[in-house]
Amino acid sequence: RRAGVDLKAKWEAMATTYGRDDVSVRLVDHSNASGGRTNMYSVIMTITGAELPDEFVIIGGHLDSTSNNNNTAPGGDDDASGISVITEATRSLFEIGFVPKRTIEVMAYAAEEVGLYGSKDIANRYRRNDVNVVAVGQFDMSNFKSSTRDIYFVNDSNAIDPTLTGFFQ
């Protein structure tokens, strides 16, 4: 819970530093989430789109870390690295005065390591509320060399727009 509260404060301070009145930051409580419970918070920073505010672009990473042997979890890599990428990317956009066409939500998901509880709960809430999500990018273990591929793409033809995949490639 503390990580979520601290990140919320950091993102709010960042928005204030750059004078962003189009930004809000909130905690999402998943204690009664369907599909699994956690006492962790997810954090969502919303940057309201100037032209298409009802179209949402989601950029995220998970906030938690775990260890199989009860030692200190590898949080710096999995996934403080992803949270760092999305935070620094957002800060850089603020620095140049970028105003998005669509609404951007930067998300730090809770409880990924124990069953994707935070992201599943948010996705279910957005589905129930007909939130128009047009694109999603996920950052996990950024700059980690564990395979021959640097980027992975989901290839579910029912959910993926090939044009958007091509843009990222």
Protein backbone atom coordinates (compact mmCIF):
# COMPACT_ATOMS: atom_id res chain seq x y z
CA ARG A 1 0.00 0.00 0.00
CA ARG A 2 2.84 2.34 0.83
CA ALA A 3 4.38 2.01 -2.64
CA GLY A 4 1.08 3.07 -4.23
CA VAL A 5 0.64 6.04 -1.90
CA ASP A 6 4.25 7.15 -2.45
CA LEU A 7 4.01 6.83 -6.25
CA LYS A 8 0.76 8.79 -6.28
CA ALA A 9 2.50 11.62 -4.40
CA LYS A 10 5.45 11.51 -6.84
CA TRP A 11 3.20 11.67 -9.91
CA GLU A 12 1.12 14.49 -8.39
CA ALA A 13 4.27 16.48 -7.59
CA MET A 14 5.53 15.92 -11.14
CA ALA A 15 2.27 17.25 -12.62
CA THR A 16 2.39 20.25 -10.27
CA THR A 17 6.03 20.99 -11.15
CA TYR A 18 5.09 21.27 -14.81
CA GLY A 19 1.85 23.16 -14.17
CA ARG A 20 -0.39 20.46 -15.61
CA ASP A 21 -4.02 21.24 -14.82
CA ASP A 22 -5.08 18.49 -17.25
CA VAL A 23 -3.66 15.79 -14.95
CA SER A 24 -5.22 13.90 -12.05
CA VAL A 25 -3.84 10.98 -10.06
CA ARG A 26 -5.87 8.44 -8.10
CA LEU A 27 -5.47 5.26 -6.11
CA VAL A 28 -7.55 2.21 -7.02
CA ASP A 29 -8.46 -0.02 -4.09
CA HIS A 30 -8.67 -3.70 -5.05
CA SER A 31 -9.57 -5.09 -1.62
CA ASN A 32 -12.93 -6.31 -2.92
CA ALA A 33 -11.90 -7.06 -6.49
CA SER A 34 -13.56 -9.92 -8.28
CA GLY A 35 -11.15 -12.65 -9.27
CA GLY A 36 -8.84 -12.07 -6.34
CA ARG A 37 -8.24 -9.78 -3.42
CA THR A 38 -5.25 -7.68 -2.50
CA ASN A 39 -4.71 -4.88 -0.05
CA MET A 40 -2.42 -3.12 -2.55
CA TYR A 41 -3.41 -0.01 -4.46
CA SER A 42 -2.97 0.54 -8.16
CA VAL A 43 -2.13 4.09 -9.19
CA ILE A 44 -3.63 5.81 -12.25
CA MET A 45 -2.48 9.15 -13.64
CA THR A 46 -4.94 10.58 -16.16
CA ILE A 47 -3.86 13.19 -18.72
CA THR A 48 -7.06 14.40 -20.35
CA GLY A 49 -7.00 14.44 -24.14
CA ALA A 50 -7.49 17.81 -25.83
CA GLU A 51 -9.40 16.57 -28.89
CA LEU A 52 -10.67 13.04 -28.19
CA PRO A 53 -10.98 12.86 -24.39
CA ASP A 54 -13.24 9.79 -24.54
CA GLU A 55 -10.58 7.68 -26.29
CA PHE A 56 -8.06 6.19 -23.85
CA VAL A 57 -4.46 5.16 -24.39
CA ILE A 58 -3.16 3.08 -21.48
CA ILE A 59 0.53 2.85 -20.60
CA GLY A 60 1.34 0.61 -17.65
CA GLY A 61 3.62 -1.50 -15.55
CA HIS A 62 3.17 -3.41 -12.31
CA LEU A 63 4.03 -1.96 -8.93
CA ASP A 64 4.70 -5.12 -6.93
CA SER A 65 7.56 -7.59 -6.70
CA THR A 66 7.94 -11.02 -5.14
CA SER A 67 10.51 -13.66 -4.34
CA ASN A 68 10.11 -17.43 -4.36
CA ASN A 69 12.59 -17.97 -1.55
CA ASN A 70 11.41 -15.34 0.97
CA ASN A 71 14.47 -13.18 0.33
CA THR A 72 14.38 -9.63 -0.87
CA ALA A 73 12.34 -9.48 -4.07
CA PRO A 74 14.02 -8.36 -7.31
CA GLY A 75 12.01 -5.14 -7.40
CA GLY A 76 14.62 -3.04 -9.17
CA ASP A 77 14.20 -5.16 -12.29
CA ASP A 78 10.72 -6.62 -11.88
CA ASP A 79 9.23 -4.14 -12.04
CA ALA A 80 10.61 -0.86 -10.75
CA SER A 81 12.30 -0.68 -14.17
CA GLY A 82 8.91 -0.56 -15.91
CA ILE A 83 7.54 2.02 -13.46
CA SER A 84 10.69 4.09 -14.03
CA VAL A 85 10.22 3.97 -17.81
CA ILE A 86 6.60 5.13 -17.71
CA THR A 87 7.36 7.80 -15.10
CA GLU A 88 10.33 9.22 -17.01
CA ALA A 89 8.49 9.08 -20.33
CA THR A 90 5.63 11.04 -18.78
CA ARG A 91 7.99 13.53 -17.14
CA SER A 92 9.71 14.06 -20.51
CA LEU A 93 6.38 14.72 -22.20
CA PHE A 94 5.48 17.22 -19.47
CA GLU A 95 8.83 18.95 -19.89
CA ILE A 96 8.21 19.64 -23.59
CA GLY A 97 4.61 20.74 -22.94
CA PHE A 98 3.06 17.82 -24.81
CA VAL A 99 -0.75 17.87 -24.81
CA PRO A 100 -2.25 14.56 -25.96
CA LYS A 101 -5.00 14.32 -28.55
CA ARG A 102 -6.50 11.34 -26.69
CA THR A 103 -6.66 10.78 -22.95
CA ILE A 104 -3.57 8.99 -21.67
CA GLU A 105 -3.70 6.93 -18.51
CA VAL A 106 -0.40 5.93 -16.95
CA MET A 107 -1.02 2.94 -14.68
CA ALA A 108 1.00 1.22 -11.97
CA TYR A 109 -0.86 -2.04 -11.38
CA ALA A 110 -1.13 -3.75 -8.01
CA ALA A 111 -0.62 -7.46 -7.35
CA GLU A 112 0.63 -8.60 -10.76
CA GLU A 113 2.94 -11.15 -9.17
CA VAL A 114 0.10 -12.96 -7.39
CA GLY A 115 -2.41 -13.19 -10.23
CA LEU A 116 -2.72 -9.93 -12.21
CA TYR A 117 -5.36 -8.76 -9.71
CA GLY A 118 -4.92 -5.03 -10.21
CA SER A 119 -4.89 -5.00 -14.01
CA LYS A 120 -7.74 -7.54 -14.22
CA ASP A 121 -9.87 -5.50 -11.85
CA ILE A 122 -9.23 -2.26 -13.76
CA ALA A 123 -9.92 -3.97 -17.11
CA ASN A 124 -13.19 -5.39 -15.75
CA ARG A 125 -14.22 -1.97 -14.39
CA TYR A 126 -13.44 -0.32 -17.72
CA ARG A 127 -15.38 -2.99 -19.61
CA ARG A 128 -18.43 -2.58 -17.31
CA ASN A 129 -18.27 1.21 -17.76
CA ASP A 130 -17.72 1.07 -21.56
CA VAL A 131 -14.41 2.97 -21.38
CA ASN A 132 -13.14 3.28 -24.95
CA VAL A 133 -9.57 1.96 -24.72
CA VAL A 134 -7.92 2.33 -28.14
CA ALA A 135 -4.36 1.26 -27.30
CA VAL A 136 -2.34 -0.33 -24.48
CA GLY A 137 1.41 -0.49 -23.89
CA GLN A 138 2.93 -2.53 -21.06
CA PHE A 139 6.43 -2.14 -19.58
CA ASP A 140 7.75 -5.04 -17.52
CA MET A 141 11.41 -5.77 -16.75
CA SER A 142 12.62 -2.99 -19.05
CA ASN A 143 16.19 -3.39 -20.30
CA PHE A 144 16.37 -6.95 -18.94
CA LYS A 145 18.29 -9.36 -21.15
CA SER A 146 16.85 -12.82 -20.60
CA SER A 147 16.09 -13.85 -24.15
CA THR A 148 16.94 -13.03 -27.74
CA ARG A 149 13.85 -10.81 -28.09
CA ASP A 150 13.66 -7.30 -26.67
CA ILE A 151 9.94 -6.75 -27.27
CA TYR A 152 7.00 -9.14 -27.16
CA PHE A 153 3.72 -8.56 -28.99
CA VAL A 154 0.42 -10.21 -28.19
CA ASN A 155 -0.95 -11.84 -31.31
CA ASP A 156 -4.59 -12.43 -30.37
CA SER A 157 -6.34 -11.53 -33.60
CA ASN A 158 -9.60 -10.90 -31.72
CA ALA A 159 -8.09 -8.12 -29.62
CA ILE A 160 -5.13 -6.72 -31.52
CA ASP A 161 -5.09 -4.05 -34.21
CA PRO A 162 -2.34 -4.98 -36.71
CA THR A 163 -1.83 -1.30 -37.59
CA LEU A 164 -1.05 -0.47 -33.95
CA THR A 165 1.28 -3.47 -33.67
CA GLY A 166 3.07 -2.29 -36.81
CA PHE A 167 3.44 1.18 -35.30
CA PHE A 168 5.18 -0.25 -32.23
CA GLN A 169 7.42 -2.49 -34.35
